[in-house]
Amino acid sequence: MPDNMGTDHMLTTAKTVLLLAMALFSTGAFQENATASSASPEYTRDSQLKYPEHYRDWVYLTSGFDMSYNPAMQMGDHHMFDNVFVNPEAYKAFVKTGTWPDKTILVLEVRGAEGKGSINQKGNYQGATMGLEVHVKDETRFPGKWAFFGLAPSAGSPLHE
């Protein structure tokens, strides 16, 4: 009899551990889906893009230094870094299909370049965020499917569209 009680206790413990593991995995999957759905573009009543909260937790794509699409852009002594992030579900779809899906949000974070600080003797490092340029694919909202928004580095006040 004592061996049977030990086996029953082990089976009960194993079942409890298995049940807890299933509950934890279910909770994790639910939280992942909740995070993914919150990365869809959100707009104000006057059709301005809301500031994309937690974009720095999204997929990091690349960084650049003193890049511009404007040939007349003169930086002078002022240098800038930019970092590009994309919402995770759009990145996953792009990897599978090679096409950015509807509701893609690409965030270009523009940061000032700093040259003097701490022990730095040469080169530049990223400073404060100067602004965000956000490219949104929203096929039902925009006739050309894509729209561009410039946002201040906080609170989502639009600079231009």
C-alpha atoms as a PDB file:
ATOM      1  CA  MET A   1       0.000   0.000   0.000  1.00  0.00           C
ATOM      2  CA  PRO A   2       2.644   2.631   0.780  1.00  0.00           C
ATOM      3  CA  ASP A   3       4.140   2.281  -2.741  1.00  0.00           C
ATOM      4  CA  ASN A   4       0.729   2.855  -4.314  1.00  0.00           C
ATOM      5  CA  MET A   5       0.200   6.035  -2.239  1.00  0.00           C
ATOM      6  CA  GLY A   6       3.595   7.350  -3.376  1.00  0.00           C
ATOM      7  CA  THR A   7       2.713   6.660  -7.006  1.00  0.00           C
ATOM      8  CA  ASP A   8      -0.673   8.350  -6.627  1.00  0.00           C
ATOM      9  CA  HIS A   9       0.995  11.382  -5.060  1.00  0.00           C
ATOM     10  CA  MET A  10       3.548  11.535  -7.908  1.00  0.00           C
ATOM     11  CA  LEU A  11       0.793  11.322 -10.534  1.00  0.00           C
ATOM     12  CA  THR A  12      -1.166  14.080  -8.797  1.00  0.00           C
ATOM     13  CA  THR A  13       1.940  16.268  -8.640  1.00  0.00           C
ATOM     14  CA  ALA A  14       2.738  15.588 -12.315  1.00  0.00           C
ATOM     15  CA  LYS A  15      -0.837  16.432 -13.343  1.00  0.00           C
ATOM     16  CA  THR A  16      -0.702  19.663 -11.312  1.00  0.00           C
ATOM     17  CA  VAL A  17       2.603  20.696 -12.901  1.00  0.00           C
ATOM     18  CA  LEU A  18       1.274  19.875 -16.386  1.00  0.00           C
ATOM     19  CA  LEU A  19      -1.909  21.864 -15.748  1.00  0.00           C
ATOM     20  CA  LEU A  20       0.091  24.870 -14.499  1.00  0.00           C
ATOM     21  CA  ALA A  21       2.398  24.708 -17.533  1.00  0.00           C
ATOM     22  CA  MET A  22      -0.598  24.658 -19.895  1.00  0.00           C
ATOM     23  CA  ALA A  23      -2.114  27.643 -18.089  1.00  0.00           C
ATOM     24  CA  LEU A  24       1.154  29.602 -18.323  1.00  0.00           C
ATOM     25  CA  PHE A  25       1.554  28.872 -22.047  1.00  0.00           C
ATOM     26  CA  SER A  26      -2.064  29.882 -22.689  1.00  0.00           C
ATOM     27  CA  THR A  27      -1.560  33.145 -20.798  1.00  0.00           C
ATOM     28  CA  GLY A  28       1.632  33.854 -22.768  1.00  0.00           C
ATOM     29  CA  ALA A  29      -0.113  33.249 -26.094  1.00  0.00           C
ATOM     30  CA  PHE A  30      -2.989  35.514 -25.030  1.00  0.00           C
ATOM     31  CA  GLN A  31      -0.595  38.308 -24.024  1.00  0.00           C
ATOM     32  CA  GLU A  32       1.327  37.981 -27.315  1.00  0.00           C
ATOM     33  CA  ASN A  33      -1.926  38.329 -29.279  1.00  0.00           C
ATOM     34  CA  ALA A  34      -3.010  41.285 -27.148  1.00  0.00           C
ATOM     35  CA  THR A  35       0.331  43.025 -27.794  1.00  0.00           C
ATOM     36  CA  ALA A  36       0.177  42.302 -31.521  1.00  0.00           C
ATOM     37  CA  SER A  37      -3.338  43.692 -31.913  1.00  0.00           C
ATOM     38  CA  SER A  38      -2.361  46.876 -30.090  1.00  0.00           C
ATOM     39  CA  ALA A  39       0.282  47.556 -32.769  1.00  0.00           C
ATOM     40  CA  SER A  40      -2.349  48.433 -35.401  1.00  0.00           C
ATOM     41  CA  PRO A  41      -2.519  52.094 -36.408  1.00  0.00           C
ATOM     42  CA  GLU A  42      -4.771  54.216 -34.215  1.00  0.00           C
ATOM     43  CA  TYR A  43      -6.115  57.629 -35.175  1.00  0.00           C
ATOM     44  CA  THR A  44      -7.572  60.668 -33.453  1.00  0.00           C
ATOM     45  CA  ARG A  45     -11.052  61.950 -34.284  1.00  0.00           C
ATOM     46  CA  ASP A  46      -9.518  64.380 -36.786  1.00  0.00           C
ATOM     47  CA  SER A  47      -7.715  61.505 -38.624  1.00  0.00           C
ATOM     48  CA  GLN A  48      -4.256  62.166 -37.218  1.00  0.00           C
ATOM     49  CA  LEU A  49      -2.114  59.194 -36.299  1.00  0.00           C
ATOM     50  CA  LYS A  50      -1.800  58.594 -32.571  1.00  0.00           C
ATOM     51  CA  TYR A  51       1.716  58.298 -31.194  1.00  0.00           C
ATOM     52  CA  PRO A  52       2.778  54.625 -31.576  1.00  0.00           C
ATOM     53  CA  GLU A  53       3.434  53.717 -27.931  1.00  0.00           C
ATOM     54  CA  HIS A  54       6.188  51.177 -27.239  1.00  0.00           C
ATOM     55  CA  TYR A  55       7.471  51.233 -30.830  1.00  0.00           C
ATOM     56  CA  ARG A  56      10.999  50.658 -29.460  1.00  0.00           C
ATOM     57  CA  ASP A  57       9.806  47.169 -28.411  1.00  0.00           C
ATOM     58  CA  TRP A  58       8.961  46.375 -32.053  1.00  0.00           C
ATOM     59  CA  VAL A  59      11.271  44.769 -34.618  1.00  0.00           C
ATOM     60  CA  TYR A  60      14.386  46.876 -35.188  1.00  0.00           C
ATOM     61  CA  LEU A  61      15.252  47.023 -38.913  1.00  0.00           C
ATOM     62  CA  THR A  62      18.216  49.377 -39.398  1.00  0.00           C
ATOM     63  CA  SER A  63      20.002  52.601 -38.475  1.00  0.00           C
ATOM     64  CA  GLY A  64      21.483  55.353 -40.617  1.00  0.00           C
ATOM     65  CA  PHE A  65      23.665  58.415 -40.166  1.00  0.00           C
ATOM     66  CA  ASP A  66      23.109  61.747 -41.974  1.00  0.00           C
ATOM     67  CA  MET A  67      20.788  60.144 -44.538  1.00  0.00           C
ATOM     68  CA  SER A  68      18.270  62.187 -46.522  1.00  0.00           C
ATOM     69  CA  TYR A  69      16.099  61.725 -49.596  1.00  0.00           C
ATOM     70  CA  ASN A  70      16.339  65.463 -50.252  1.00  0.00           C
ATOM     71  CA  PRO A  71      19.396  66.304 -52.445  1.00  0.00           C
ATOM     72  CA  ALA A  72      19.265  69.935 -51.270  1.00  0.00           C
ATOM     73  CA  MET A  73      19.568  68.940 -47.599  1.00  0.00           C
ATOM     74  CA  GLN A  74      22.558  70.655 -46.002  1.00  0.00           C
ATOM     75  CA  MET A  75      23.443  69.306 -42.565  1.00  0.00           C
ATOM     76  CA  GLY A  76      26.500  71.513 -41.871  1.00  0.00           C
ATOM     77  CA  ASP A  77      27.789  70.849 -38.372  1.00  0.00           C
ATOM     78  CA  HIS A  78      24.508  69.227 -37.360  1.00  0.00           C
ATOM     79  CA  HIS A  79      24.406  65.406 -37.622  1.00  0.00           C
ATOM     80  CA  MET A  80      21.490  62.998 -37.211  1.00  0.00           C
ATOM     81  CA  PHE A  81      20.961  59.299 -36.628  1.00  0.00           C
ATOM     82  CA  ASP A  82      17.831  57.447 -37.618  1.00  0.00           C
ATOM     83  CA  ASN A  83      16.528  54.081 -36.428  1.00  0.00           C
ATOM     84  CA  VAL A  84      13.760  52.139 -38.180  1.00  0.00           C
ATOM     85  CA  PHE A  85      11.244  49.928 -36.351  1.00  0.00           C
ATOM     86  CA  VAL A  86       8.239  47.953 -37.669  1.00  0.00           C
ATOM     87  CA  ASN A  87       5.276  46.421 -35.858  1.00  0.00           C
ATOM     88  CA  PRO A  88       5.990  42.705 -35.241  1.00  0.00           C
ATOM     89  CA  GLU A  89       2.984  41.198 -37.027  1.00  0.00           C
ATOM     90  CA  ALA A  90       3.772  43.179 -40.197  1.00  0.00           C
ATOM     91  CA  TYR A  91       7.384  41.990 -40.086  1.00  0.00           C
ATOM     92  CA  LYS A  92       6.295  38.347 -39.719  1.00  0.00           C
ATOM     93  CA  ALA A  93       3.966  38.693 -42.721  1.00  0.00           C
ATOM     94  CA  PHE A  94       6.688  40.430 -44.774  1.00  0.00           C
ATOM     95  CA  VAL A  95       9.159  37.609 -44.077  1.00  0.00           C
ATOM     96  CA  LYS A  96       6.567  35.059 -45.282  1.00  0.00           C
ATOM     97  CA  THR A  97       5.285  36.928 -48.353  1.00  0.00           C
ATOM     98  CA  GLY A  98       7.836  39.602 -49.309  1.00  0.00           C
ATOM     99  CA  THR A  99       5.084  42.248 -49.161  1.00  0.00           C
ATOM    100  CA  TRP A 100       4.218  44.636 -46.356  1.00  0.00           C
ATOM    101  CA  PRO A 101       0.653  43.800 -45.264  1.00  0.00           C
ATOM    102  CA  ASP A 102      -2.196  46.179 -44.531  1.00  0.00           C
ATOM    103  CA  LYS A 103      -1.779  47.894 -41.126  1.00  0.00           C
ATOM    104  CA  THR A 104       2.027  47.983 -41.424  1.00  0.00           C
ATOM    105  CA  ILE A 105       3.577  50.744 -39.324  1.00  0.00           C
ATOM    106  CA  LEU A 106       7.176  51.761 -40.075  1.00  0.00           C
ATOM    107  CA  VAL A 107       8.650  54.191 -37.556  1.00  0.00           C
ATOM    108  CA  LEU A 108      11.720  56.251 -38.423  1.00  0.00           C
ATOM    109  CA  GLU A 109      13.069  57.584 -35.143  1.00  0.00           C
ATOM    110  CA  VAL A 110      15.252  60.656 -35.715  1.00  0.00           C
ATOM    111  CA  ARG A 111      17.904  61.343 -33.074  1.00  0.00           C
ATOM    112  CA  GLY A 112      20.505  64.036 -32.751  1.00  0.00           C
ATOM    113  CA  ALA A 113      24.144  62.935 -33.009  1.00  0.00           C
ATOM    114  CA  GLU A 114      26.351  63.821 -30.070  1.00  0.00           C
ATOM    115  CA  GLY A 115      30.134  63.994 -30.296  1.00  0.00           C
ATOM    116  CA  LYS A 116      31.197  65.101 -26.877  1.00  0.00           C
ATOM    117  CA  GLY A 117      30.230  63.251 -23.742  1.00  0.00           C
ATOM    118  CA  SER A 118      31.613  60.934 -21.121  1.00  0.00           C
ATOM    119  CA  ILE A 119      34.891  59.468 -22.387  1.00  0.00           C
ATOM    120  CA  ASN A 120      34.112  59.789 -26.110  1.00  0.00           C
ATOM    121  CA  GLN A 121      37.139  61.217 -27.953  1.00  0.00           C
ATOM    122  CA  LYS A 122      36.071  60.699 -31.571  1.00  0.00           C
ATOM    123  CA  GLY A 123      32.937  59.845 -33.507  1.00  0.00           C
ATOM    124  CA  ASN A 124      29.270  60.233 -32.684  1.00  0.00           C
ATOM    125  CA  TYR A 125      26.642  58.517 -30.591  1.00  0.00           C
ATOM    126  CA  GLN A 126      22.864  58.826 -30.509  1.00  0.00           C
ATOM    127  CA  GLY A 127      21.400  61.651 -28.457  1.00  0.00           C
ATOM    128  CA  ALA A 128      17.859  62.803 -27.766  1.00  0.00           C
ATOM    129  CA  THR A 129      14.927  61.903 -29.995  1.00  0.00           C
ATOM    130  CA  MET A 130      14.171  64.833 -32.301  1.00  0.00           C
ATOM    131  CA  GLY A 131      11.023  63.417 -33.921  1.00  0.00           C
ATOM    132  CA  LEU A 132       9.324  60.454 -35.537  1.00  0.00           C
ATOM    133  CA  GLU A 133       8.445  59.924 -39.165  1.00  0.00           C
ATOM    134  CA  VAL A 134       5.801  57.227 -39.467  1.00  0.00           C
ATOM    135  CA  HIS A 135       4.760  55.470 -42.676  1.00  0.00           C
ATOM    136  CA  VAL A 136       1.424  53.644 -42.346  1.00  0.00           C
ATOM    137  CA  LYS A 137      -0.205  51.212 -44.771  1.00  0.00           C
ATOM    138  CA  ASP A 138      -3.951  51.416 -44.243  1.00  0.00           C
ATOM    139  CA  GLU A 139      -5.791  50.407 -47.410  1.00  0.00           C
ATOM    140  CA  THR A 140      -9.270  51.393 -46.192  1.00  0.00           C
ATOM    141  CA  ARG A 141      -8.222  54.836 -44.954  1.00  0.00           C
ATOM    142  CA  PHE A 142      -5.794  56.132 -47.609  1.00  0.00           C
ATOM    143  CA  PRO A 143      -6.431  56.144 -51.394  1.00  0.00           C
ATOM    144  CA  GLY A 144      -2.769  55.347 -52.165  1.00  0.00           C
ATOM    145  CA  LYS A 145      -2.708  52.715 -49.389  1.00  0.00           C
ATOM    146  CA  TRP A 146       0.229  54.450 -47.631  1.00  0.00           C
ATOM    147  CA  ALA A 147       0.367  57.696 -45.646  1.00  0.00           C
ATOM    148  CA  PHE A 148       3.200  59.589 -43.994  1.00  0.00           C
ATOM    149  CA  PHE A 149       3.009  61.314 -40.615  1.00  0.00           C
ATOM    150  CA  GLY A 150       5.585  63.415 -38.808  1.00  0.00           C
ATOM    151  CA  LEU A 151       5.235  63.306 -35.033  1.00  0.00           C
ATOM    152  CA  ALA A 152       6.868  65.176 -32.207  1.00  0.00           C
ATOM    153  CA  PRO A 153       8.966  62.926 -29.968  1.00  0.00           C
ATOM    154  CA  SER A 154       6.240  62.843 -27.294  1.00  0.00           C
ATOM    155  CA  ALA A 155       2.477  62.779 -26.944  1.00  0.00           C
ATOM    156  CA  GLY A 156       1.897  62.343 -30.709  1.00  0.00           C
ATOM    157  CA  SER A 157       1.322  65.915 -31.769  1.00  0.00           C
ATOM    158  CA  PRO A 158       1.588  65.873 -35.575  1.00  0.00           C
ATOM    159  CA  LEU A 159       4.249  67.966 -37.315  1.00  0.00           C
ATOM    160  CA  HIS A 160       2.844  67.405 -40.804  1.00  0.00           C
ATOM    161  CA  GLU A 161       1.104  64.778 -42.928  1.00  0.00           C
END
